[in-house]
């Protein structure tokens, strides 16, 4: 719902020249530079978010690889200690 008035004090009063009721659509057709800048900004934000996501995935893979490597080393150490223990009993 909207009113058109010559003065701000007349908005909503019977002195308003016109009124309308219905949905309103705003389109920046004549401000294409601003629209393009907003698109570039949104693209840059998306690229930044993607780069951050990729970095987090690589970090998670590195941490997993380190954990598996550490586990393997500990398993080898355990086997060596068990063999050492068995040979000392014999």
N, C-alpha and C. Protein backbone atom coordinates (compact mmCIF):
# COMPACT_ATOMS: atom_id res chain seq x y z
N UNK A 1 0.85 -1.16 0.00
CA UNK A 1 0.00 0.00 0.00
C UNK A 1 0.90 1.22 0.00
N UNK A 2 0.60 2.21 -0.78
CA UNK A 2 1.43 3.40 -0.83
C UNK A 2 0.62 4.63 -1.19
N UNK A 3 1.19 5.77 -0.85
CA UNK A 3 0.56 7.05 -1.14
C UNK A 3 1.56 7.95 -1.84
N UNK A 4 1.07 8.86 -2.66
CA UNK A 4 1.91 9.87 -3.28
C UNK A 4 1.40 11.21 -2.79
N UNK A 5 2.31 11.99 -2.22
CA UNK A 5 1.90 13.28 -1.67
C UNK A 5 2.95 14.32 -2.02
N UNK A 6 2.52 15.57 -2.04
CA UNK A 6 3.42 16.67 -2.32
C UNK A 6 4.33 16.98 -1.14
N UNK A 7 3.88 16.70 0.06
CA UNK A 7 4.65 16.96 1.28
C UNK A 7 4.61 15.71 2.15
N UNK A 8 5.65 15.55 2.94
CA UNK A 8 5.71 14.40 3.83
C UNK A 8 4.57 14.38 4.83
N UNK A 9 4.13 15.56 5.24
CA UNK A 9 3.05 15.62 6.23
C UNK A 9 1.71 15.19 5.66
N UNK A 10 1.60 15.14 4.33
CA UNK A 10 0.34 14.77 3.70
C UNK A 10 0.21 13.27 3.44
N UNK A 11 1.30 12.52 3.64
CA UNK A 11 1.26 11.08 3.37
C UNK A 11 0.23 10.42 4.28
N UNK A 12 -0.63 9.66 3.71
CA UNK A 12 -1.65 8.94 4.47
C UNK A 12 -2.90 9.76 4.72
N UNK A 13 -2.91 11.01 4.32
CA UNK A 13 -4.09 11.84 4.54
C UNK A 13 -4.90 11.95 3.25
N UNK A 14 -6.04 12.57 3.34
CA UNK A 14 -6.87 12.73 2.15
C UNK A 14 -6.25 13.71 1.16
N UNK A 15 -5.23 14.45 1.61
CA UNK A 15 -4.55 15.40 0.72
C UNK A 15 -3.58 14.69 -0.22
N UNK A 16 -3.31 13.44 0.03
CA UNK A 16 -2.42 12.68 -0.85
C UNK A 16 -3.06 12.58 -2.23
N UNK A 17 -2.25 12.71 -3.27
CA UNK A 17 -2.79 12.75 -4.63
C UNK A 17 -3.19 11.39 -5.18
N UNK A 18 -2.52 10.34 -4.77
CA UNK A 18 -2.82 9.02 -5.32
C UNK A 18 -2.47 7.97 -4.28
N UNK A 19 -3.03 6.80 -4.47
CA UNK A 19 -2.68 5.68 -3.59
C UNK A 19 -2.73 4.41 -4.41
N UNK A 20 -2.07 3.40 -3.90
CA UNK A 20 -2.10 2.10 -4.58
C UNK A 20 -2.03 1.00 -3.54
N UNK A 21 -2.53 -0.13 -3.93
CA UNK A 21 -2.52 -1.28 -3.06
C UNK A 21 -2.06 -2.47 -3.89
N UNK A 22 -1.02 -3.15 -3.44
CA UNK A 22 -0.50 -4.30 -4.18
C UNK A 22 0.99 -4.45 -3.94
N UNK A 23 1.57 -5.47 -4.53
CA UNK A 23 3.00 -5.70 -4.33
C UNK A 23 3.82 -4.63 -5.04
N UNK A 24 4.98 -4.40 -4.51
CA UNK A 24 5.89 -3.41 -5.08
C UNK A 24 7.16 -4.12 -5.51
N UNK A 25 7.66 -3.78 -6.68
CA UNK A 25 8.90 -4.35 -7.20
C UNK A 25 9.87 -3.20 -7.46
N UNK A 26 11.08 -3.35 -6.96
CA UNK A 26 12.11 -2.35 -7.20
C UNK A 26 13.15 -2.97 -8.11
N UNK A 27 13.53 -2.26 -9.15
CA UNK A 27 14.49 -2.79 -10.11
C UNK A 27 15.52 -1.70 -10.39
N UNK A 28 16.76 -2.06 -10.26
CA UNK A 28 17.85 -1.11 -10.47
C UNK A 28 18.31 -1.12 -11.92
N UNK A 29 17.39 -1.01 -12.85
CA UNK A 29 17.72 -1.10 -14.27
C UNK A 29 18.62 0.04 -14.72
N UNK A 30 18.48 1.18 -14.11
CA UNK A 30 19.26 2.34 -14.54
C UNK A 30 20.52 2.52 -13.70
N UNK A 31 20.78 1.58 -12.82
CA UNK A 31 21.98 1.64 -11.99
C UNK A 31 22.78 0.35 -12.19
N UNK A 32 23.05 0.02 -13.45
CA UNK A 32 23.72 -1.23 -13.78
C UNK A 32 25.13 -1.31 -13.22
N UNK A 33 25.80 -0.18 -13.09
CA UNK A 33 27.14 -0.19 -12.50
C UNK A 33 27.12 -0.71 -11.08
N UNK A 34 26.14 -0.27 -10.33
CA UNK A 34 25.99 -0.73 -8.94
C UNK A 34 25.64 -2.21 -8.90
N UNK A 35 24.76 -2.63 -9.79
CA UNK A 35 24.37 -4.04 -9.85
C UNK A 35 25.57 -4.90 -10.20
N UNK A 36 26.36 -4.47 -11.18
CA UNK A 36 27.55 -5.22 -11.56
C UNK A 36 28.55 -5.28 -10.42
N UNK A 37 28.70 -4.18 -9.70
CA UNK A 37 29.62 -4.16 -8.55
C UNK A 37 29.15 -5.13 -7.47
N UNK A 38 27.85 -5.19 -7.24
CA UNK A 38 27.31 -6.13 -6.26
C UNK A 38 27.53 -7.57 -6.70
N UNK A 39 27.39 -7.83 -7.99
CA UNK A 39 27.62 -9.18 -8.52
C UNK A 39 29.08 -9.55 -8.36
N UNK A 40 29.99 -8.62 -8.70
CA UNK A 40 31.43 -8.89 -8.53
C UNK A 40 31.76 -9.14 -7.06
N UNK A 41 31.16 -8.37 -6.19
CA UNK A 41 31.39 -8.55 -4.75
C UNK A 41 30.89 -9.92 -4.29
N UNK A 42 29.71 -10.30 -4.75
CA UNK A 42 29.16 -11.61 -4.38
C UNK A 42 30.02 -12.74 -4.94
N UNK A 43 30.51 -12.56 -6.17
CA UNK A 43 31.40 -13.57 -6.77
C UNK A 43 32.69 -13.69 -5.97
N UNK A 44 33.25 -12.55 -5.57
CA UNK A 44 34.49 -12.56 -4.78
C UNK A 44 34.25 -13.24 -3.43
N UNK A 45 33.12 -12.96 -2.81
CA UNK A 45 32.79 -13.61 -1.54
C UNK A 45 32.67 -15.12 -1.72
N UNK A 46 32.02 -15.54 -2.81
CA UNK A 46 31.86 -16.97 -3.08
C UNK A 46 33.21 -17.63 -3.34
N UNK A 47 34.07 -16.96 -4.10
CA UNK A 47 35.40 -17.52 -4.36
C UNK A 47 36.21 -17.62 -3.08
N UNK A 48 36.09 -16.62 -2.22
CA UNK A 48 36.78 -16.65 -0.93
C UNK A 48 36.29 -17.80 -0.06
N UNK A 49 34.98 -17.99 -0.04
CA UNK A 49 34.41 -19.08 0.75
C UNK A 49 34.86 -20.44 0.20
N UNK A 50 34.92 -20.57 -1.12
CA UNK A 50 35.37 -21.81 -1.74
C UNK A 50 36.84 -22.07 -1.41
N UNK A 51 37.66 -21.04 -1.49
CA UNK A 51 39.09 -21.20 -1.16
C UNK A 51 39.26 -21.62 0.30
N UNK A 52 38.47 -21.02 1.18
CA UNK A 52 38.52 -21.38 2.60
C UNK A 52 38.09 -22.83 2.80
N UNK A 53 37.03 -23.25 2.12
CA UNK A 53 36.56 -24.63 2.21
C UNK A 53 37.63 -25.61 1.73
N UNK A 54 38.23 -25.29 0.57
CA UNK A 54 39.27 -26.17 0.04
C UNK A 54 40.46 -26.26 1.00
N UNK A 55 40.82 -25.14 1.61
CA UNK A 55 41.92 -25.14 2.58
C UNK A 55 41.58 -26.02 3.78
N UNK A 56 40.34 -25.95 4.24
CA UNK A 56 39.93 -26.77 5.39
C UNK A 56 39.94 -28.26 5.03
N UNK A 57 39.53 -28.59 3.82
CA UNK A 57 39.56 -29.99 3.38
C UNK A 57 41.00 -30.49 3.33
N UNK A 58 41.90 -29.68 2.77
CA UNK A 58 43.31 -30.08 2.71
C UNK A 58 43.90 -30.25 4.10
N UNK A 59 43.54 -29.36 5.01
CA UNK A 59 44.02 -29.46 6.38
C UNK A 59 43.49 -30.73 7.05
N UNK A 60 42.23 -31.06 6.82
CA UNK A 60 41.66 -32.28 7.39
C UNK A 60 42.35 -33.52 6.82
N UNK A 61 42.64 -33.51 5.53
CA UNK A 61 43.35 -34.65 4.93
C UNK A 61 44.76 -34.78 5.50
N UNK A 62 45.43 -33.66 5.70
CA UNK A 62 46.77 -33.70 6.28
C UNK A 62 46.73 -34.25 7.71
N UNK A 63 45.76 -33.80 8.49
CA UNK A 63 45.63 -34.28 9.86
C UNK A 63 45.33 -35.78 9.88
N UNK A 64 44.49 -36.24 8.96
CA UNK A 64 44.18 -37.67 8.88
C UNK A 64 45.42 -38.47 8.51
N UNK A 65 46.17 -37.98 7.53
CA UNK A 65 47.38 -38.68 7.12
C UNK A 65 48.37 -38.75 8.28
N UNK A 66 48.52 -37.66 9.02
CA UNK A 66 49.42 -37.66 10.17
C UNK A 66 48.95 -38.64 11.25
N UNK A 67 47.65 -38.70 11.47
CA UNK A 67 47.11 -39.62 12.47
C UNK A 67 47.35 -41.08 12.06
N UNK A 68 47.11 -41.40 10.79
CA UNK A 68 47.36 -42.78 10.32
C UNK A 68 48.84 -43.13 10.40
N UNK A 69 49.69 -42.20 10.05
CA UNK A 69 51.13 -42.44 10.13
C UNK A 69 51.56 -42.67 11.57
N UNK A 70 51.05 -41.85 12.48
CA UNK A 70 51.38 -42.00 13.90
C UNK A 70 50.87 -43.34 14.43
N UNK A 71 49.67 -43.72 14.03
CA UNK A 71 49.10 -45.00 14.45
C UNK A 71 49.98 -46.16 13.96
N UNK A 72 50.41 -46.09 12.70
CA UNK A 72 51.26 -47.13 12.13
C UNK A 72 52.57 -47.24 12.90
N UNK A 73 53.18 -46.12 13.22
CA UNK A 73 54.43 -46.12 13.98
C UNK A 73 54.23 -46.73 15.37
N UNK A 74 53.12 -46.40 16.00
CA UNK A 74 52.84 -46.95 17.34
C UNK A 74 52.59 -48.46 17.27
N UNK A 75 51.92 -48.89 16.21
CA UNK A 75 51.70 -50.33 16.04
C UNK A 75 53.03 -51.06 15.84
N UNK A 76 53.91 -50.49 15.04
CA UNK A 76 55.23 -51.10 14.83
C UNK A 76 56.02 -51.14 16.14
N UNK A 77 55.92 -50.08 16.91
CA UNK A 77 56.62 -50.04 18.21
C UNK A 77 56.04 -51.10 19.15
N UNK A 78 54.73 -51.26 19.16
CA UNK A 78 54.09 -52.27 20.00
C UNK A 78 54.55 -53.67 19.62
N UNK A 79 54.59 -53.96 18.33
CA UNK A 79 55.05 -55.28 17.86
C UNK A 79 56.50 -55.50 18.30
N UNK A 80 57.34 -54.49 18.15
CA UNK A 80 58.74 -54.62 18.55
C UNK A 80 58.86 -54.87 20.05
N UNK A 81 58.07 -54.18 20.86
CA UNK A 81 58.11 -54.38 22.31
C UNK A 81 57.60 -55.77 22.69
N UNK A 82 56.56 -56.24 22.00
CA UNK A 82 56.04 -57.58 22.29
C UNK A 82 57.08 -58.65 21.95
N UNK A 83 57.77 -58.50 20.83
CA UNK A 83 58.83 -59.45 20.46
C UNK A 83 59.97 -59.40 21.47
N UNK A 84 60.31 -58.21 21.88
CA UNK A 84 61.38 -58.05 22.86
C UNK A 84 60.99 -58.71 24.18
N UNK A 85 59.73 -58.53 24.56
CA UNK A 85 59.25 -59.14 25.80
C UNK A 85 59.27 -60.66 25.70
N UNK A 86 58.84 -61.20 24.56
CA UNK A 86 58.84 -62.65 24.37
C UNK A 86 60.26 -63.22 24.37
N UNK A 87 61.18 -62.50 23.74
CA UNK A 87 62.56 -63.01 23.69
C UNK A 87 63.24 -62.93 25.05
N UNK A 88 62.84 -61.99 25.89
CA UNK A 88 63.45 -61.90 27.21
C UNK A 88 62.92 -63.00 28.14
N UNK A 89 61.74 -63.53 27.86
CA UNK A 89 61.17 -64.62 28.67
C UNK A 89 61.81 -65.96 28.30
N UNK A 90 62.27 -66.08 27.10
CA UNK A 90 62.80 -67.36 26.63
C UNK A 90 64.17 -67.66 27.14
